[in-house]
Amino acid sequence: MEKSQKKIAATSRLTCPECGQVTEEVMPTDACQWFYDCKHCGAVLKPKPGDCCVFCSYGDTPCPPIQLGQCC
């Protein structure tokens, strides 16, 4: 019997800590995204200490590798 594949979310809603703007973004499936430029205020978001990427720090859904229980 085959193991069922875990379904992962492909998008996350990022909330800019500077201006509060919420933007839905498609997450890369094979890598972490370390920087994100807010489309509203231009702030450059970087992961918080202990997080692997901006989606894990500022998104409503963690990045695909974390969703799969892997390290980034």
N, C-alpha and C. Protein backbone atom coordinates (compact mmCIF):
# COMPACT_ATOMS: atom_id res chain seq x y z
N MET A 1 0.84 -1.17 0.00
CA MET A 1 0.00 0.00 0.00
C MET A 1 0.89 1.24 0.00
N GLU A 2 0.56 2.21 -0.86
CA GLU A 2 1.33 3.44 -0.96
C GLU A 2 0.97 4.39 0.17
N LYS A 3 1.98 5.11 0.63
CA LYS A 3 1.69 6.15 1.61
C LYS A 3 0.99 7.29 0.89
N SER A 4 -0.02 7.85 1.50
CA SER A 4 -0.69 8.99 0.87
C SER A 4 0.22 10.21 0.97
N GLN A 5 0.20 10.99 -0.10
CA GLN A 5 1.02 12.20 -0.12
C GLN A 5 0.31 13.30 0.66
N LYS A 6 1.09 14.00 1.44
CA LYS A 6 0.55 15.10 2.23
C LYS A 6 0.32 16.29 1.31
N LYS A 7 -0.87 16.85 1.36
CA LYS A 7 -1.19 18.02 0.54
C LYS A 7 -0.64 19.26 1.23
N ILE A 8 0.03 20.09 0.44
CA ILE A 8 0.59 21.31 1.00
C ILE A 8 -0.10 22.53 0.40
N ALA A 9 -0.19 23.57 1.19
CA ALA A 9 -0.74 24.84 0.71
C ALA A 9 0.33 25.54 -0.11
N ALA A 10 -0.07 26.08 -1.24
CA ALA A 10 0.88 26.73 -2.14
C ALA A 10 0.95 28.24 -1.94
N THR A 11 -0.01 28.79 -1.22
CA THR A 11 -0.03 30.24 -1.01
C THR A 11 -0.07 30.57 0.48
N SER A 12 0.35 31.77 0.79
CA SER A 12 0.32 32.27 2.15
C SER A 12 0.01 33.75 2.10
N ARG A 13 -0.70 34.22 3.10
CA ARG A 13 -1.01 35.65 3.19
C ARG A 13 0.03 36.29 4.12
N LEU A 14 0.92 37.09 3.53
CA LEU A 14 1.95 37.78 4.29
C LEU A 14 1.39 39.09 4.82
N THR A 15 1.70 39.37 6.09
CA THR A 15 1.30 40.64 6.71
C THR A 15 2.57 41.42 7.01
N CYS A 16 2.70 42.59 6.41
CA CYS A 16 3.88 43.43 6.63
C CYS A 16 3.84 44.00 8.05
N PRO A 17 4.91 43.80 8.82
CA PRO A 17 4.94 44.33 10.18
C PRO A 17 5.09 45.86 10.23
N GLU A 18 5.50 46.45 9.13
CA GLU A 18 5.69 47.90 9.09
C GLU A 18 4.39 48.65 8.82
N CYS A 19 3.62 48.20 7.81
CA CYS A 19 2.42 48.95 7.42
C CYS A 19 1.12 48.17 7.60
N GLY A 20 1.22 46.86 7.87
CA GLY A 20 0.02 46.06 8.07
C GLY A 20 -0.64 45.55 6.80
N GLN A 21 -0.07 45.87 5.65
CA GLN A 21 -0.63 45.40 4.38
C GLN A 21 -0.58 43.87 4.32
N VAL A 22 -1.67 43.26 3.85
CA VAL A 22 -1.75 41.81 3.69
C VAL A 22 -1.74 41.49 2.20
N THR A 23 -0.84 40.63 1.79
CA THR A 23 -0.70 40.25 0.39
C THR A 23 -0.62 38.74 0.28
N GLU A 24 -1.41 38.16 -0.62
CA GLU A 24 -1.34 36.72 -0.85
C GLU A 24 -0.25 36.44 -1.87
N GLU A 25 0.66 35.54 -1.52
CA GLU A 25 1.79 35.21 -2.37
C GLU A 25 1.90 33.71 -2.57
N VAL A 26 2.39 33.32 -3.74
CA VAL A 26 2.70 31.92 -4.01
C VAL A 26 4.07 31.62 -3.42
N MET A 27 4.16 30.53 -2.67
CA MET A 27 5.42 30.16 -2.03
C MET A 27 6.24 29.24 -2.93
N PRO A 28 7.57 29.41 -2.93
CA PRO A 28 8.40 28.45 -3.66
C PRO A 28 8.27 27.08 -2.99
N THR A 29 8.24 26.03 -3.78
CA THR A 29 8.05 24.69 -3.20
C THR A 29 9.37 23.99 -2.88
N ASP A 30 10.45 24.50 -3.43
CA ASP A 30 11.73 23.80 -3.27
C ASP A 30 12.79 24.60 -2.53
N ALA A 31 12.40 25.71 -1.95
CA ALA A 31 13.37 26.56 -1.25
C ALA A 31 12.65 27.50 -0.31
N CYS A 32 13.41 28.08 0.60
CA CYS A 32 12.86 29.10 1.49
C CYS A 32 13.09 30.48 0.88
N GLN A 33 12.21 31.40 1.20
CA GLN A 33 12.36 32.77 0.71
C GLN A 33 12.83 33.63 1.88
N TRP A 34 14.04 34.13 1.80
CA TRP A 34 14.65 34.85 2.91
C TRP A 34 14.31 36.33 2.93
N PHE A 35 13.91 36.90 1.78
CA PHE A 35 13.59 38.32 1.71
C PHE A 35 12.28 38.50 0.96
N TYR A 36 11.57 39.56 1.33
CA TYR A 36 10.34 39.91 0.63
C TYR A 36 10.19 41.42 0.69
N ASP A 37 9.95 42.04 -0.46
CA ASP A 37 9.73 43.48 -0.53
C ASP A 37 8.23 43.75 -0.47
N CYS A 38 7.79 44.47 0.57
CA CYS A 38 6.38 44.81 0.70
C CYS A 38 5.96 45.66 -0.50
N LYS A 39 4.91 45.25 -1.15
CA LYS A 39 4.44 45.97 -2.34
C LYS A 39 3.75 47.27 -1.99
N HIS A 40 3.41 47.46 -0.72
CA HIS A 40 2.70 48.66 -0.30
C HIS A 40 3.67 49.75 0.19
N CYS A 41 4.57 49.39 1.14
CA CYS A 41 5.45 50.41 1.73
C CYS A 41 6.93 50.26 1.34
N GLY A 42 7.29 49.13 0.70
CA GLY A 42 8.67 48.94 0.27
C GLY A 42 9.60 48.35 1.33
N ALA A 43 9.08 48.05 2.52
CA ALA A 43 9.92 47.46 3.57
C ALA A 43 10.45 46.10 3.10
N VAL A 44 11.69 45.81 3.45
CA VAL A 44 12.28 44.52 3.12
C VAL A 44 12.12 43.63 4.35
N LEU A 45 11.31 42.58 4.21
CA LEU A 45 11.08 41.66 5.31
C LEU A 45 12.13 40.57 5.29
N LYS A 46 12.61 40.23 6.47
CA LYS A 46 13.57 39.15 6.67
C LYS A 46 13.00 38.24 7.75
N PRO A 47 13.37 36.95 7.74
CA PRO A 47 12.83 36.05 8.76
C PRO A 47 13.18 36.49 10.17
N LYS A 48 12.27 36.24 11.11
CA LYS A 48 12.55 36.50 12.52
C LYS A 48 13.54 35.45 13.00
N PRO A 49 14.30 35.75 14.06
CA PRO A 49 15.25 34.76 14.60
C PRO A 49 14.53 33.44 14.91
N GLY A 50 15.10 32.34 14.44
CA GLY A 50 14.53 31.02 14.66
C GLY A 50 13.61 30.54 13.55
N ASP A 51 13.21 31.44 12.65
CA ASP A 51 12.37 31.05 11.51
C ASP A 51 13.24 30.89 10.28
N CYS A 52 12.79 30.03 9.36
CA CYS A 52 13.60 29.75 8.17
C CYS A 52 13.34 30.70 7.02
N CYS A 53 12.16 31.34 7.02
CA CYS A 53 11.84 32.20 5.88
C CYS A 53 10.77 33.22 6.25
N VAL A 54 10.49 34.13 5.31
CA VAL A 54 9.50 35.17 5.57
C VAL A 54 8.09 34.61 5.71
N PHE A 55 7.79 33.50 5.05
CA PHE A 55 6.46 32.91 5.17
C PHE A 55 6.23 32.34 6.57
N CYS A 56 7.27 31.77 7.15
CA CYS A 56 7.15 31.23 8.51
C CYS A 56 7.06 32.36 9.54
N SER A 57 7.64 33.51 9.24
CA SER A 57 7.61 34.64 10.16
C SER A 57 6.37 35.52 10.01
N TYR A 58 5.94 35.79 8.79
CA TYR A 58 4.90 36.79 8.56
C TYR A 58 3.67 36.26 7.83
N GLY A 59 3.69 34.98 7.46
CA GLY A 59 2.57 34.41 6.71
C GLY A 59 1.57 33.70 7.60
N ASP A 60 0.40 33.46 7.03
CA ASP A 60 -0.61 32.69 7.77
C ASP A 60 -0.46 31.19 7.53
N THR A 61 0.46 30.82 6.64
CA THR A 61 0.76 29.42 6.35
C THR A 61 2.27 29.27 6.26
N PRO A 62 2.86 28.30 6.95
CA PRO A 62 4.31 28.11 6.86
C PRO A 62 4.73 27.61 5.48
N CYS A 63 6.00 27.73 5.17
CA CYS A 63 6.52 27.34 3.87
C CYS A 63 6.34 25.84 3.62
N PRO A 64 6.32 25.42 2.34
CA PRO A 64 6.12 24.01 2.01
C PRO A 64 7.08 23.03 2.71
N PRO A 65 8.40 23.30 2.78
CA PRO A 65 9.25 22.34 3.49
C PRO A 65 8.83 22.13 4.95
N ILE A 66 8.44 23.17 5.63
CA ILE A 66 8.00 23.06 7.03
C ILE A 66 6.67 22.31 7.09
N GLN A 67 5.77 22.58 6.15
CA GLN A 67 4.49 21.86 6.10
C GLN A 67 4.72 20.35 5.96
N LEU A 68 5.80 19.98 5.24
CA LEU A 68 6.11 18.56 5.03
C LEU A 68 6.94 17.97 6.16
N GLY A 69 7.27 18.79 7.15
CA GLY A 69 8.06 18.31 8.28
C GLY A 69 9.53 18.21 7.98
N GLN A 70 10.00 18.96 6.98
CA GLN A 70 11.41 18.95 6.60
C GLN A 70 12.10 20.21 7.12
N CYS A 71 13.40 20.20 7.07
CA CYS A 71 14.19 21.39 7.39
C CYS A 71 14.36 22.21 6.13
N CYS A 72 14.54 23.49 6.31
CA CYS A 72 14.80 24.36 5.16
C CYS A 72 16.28 24.53 4.97
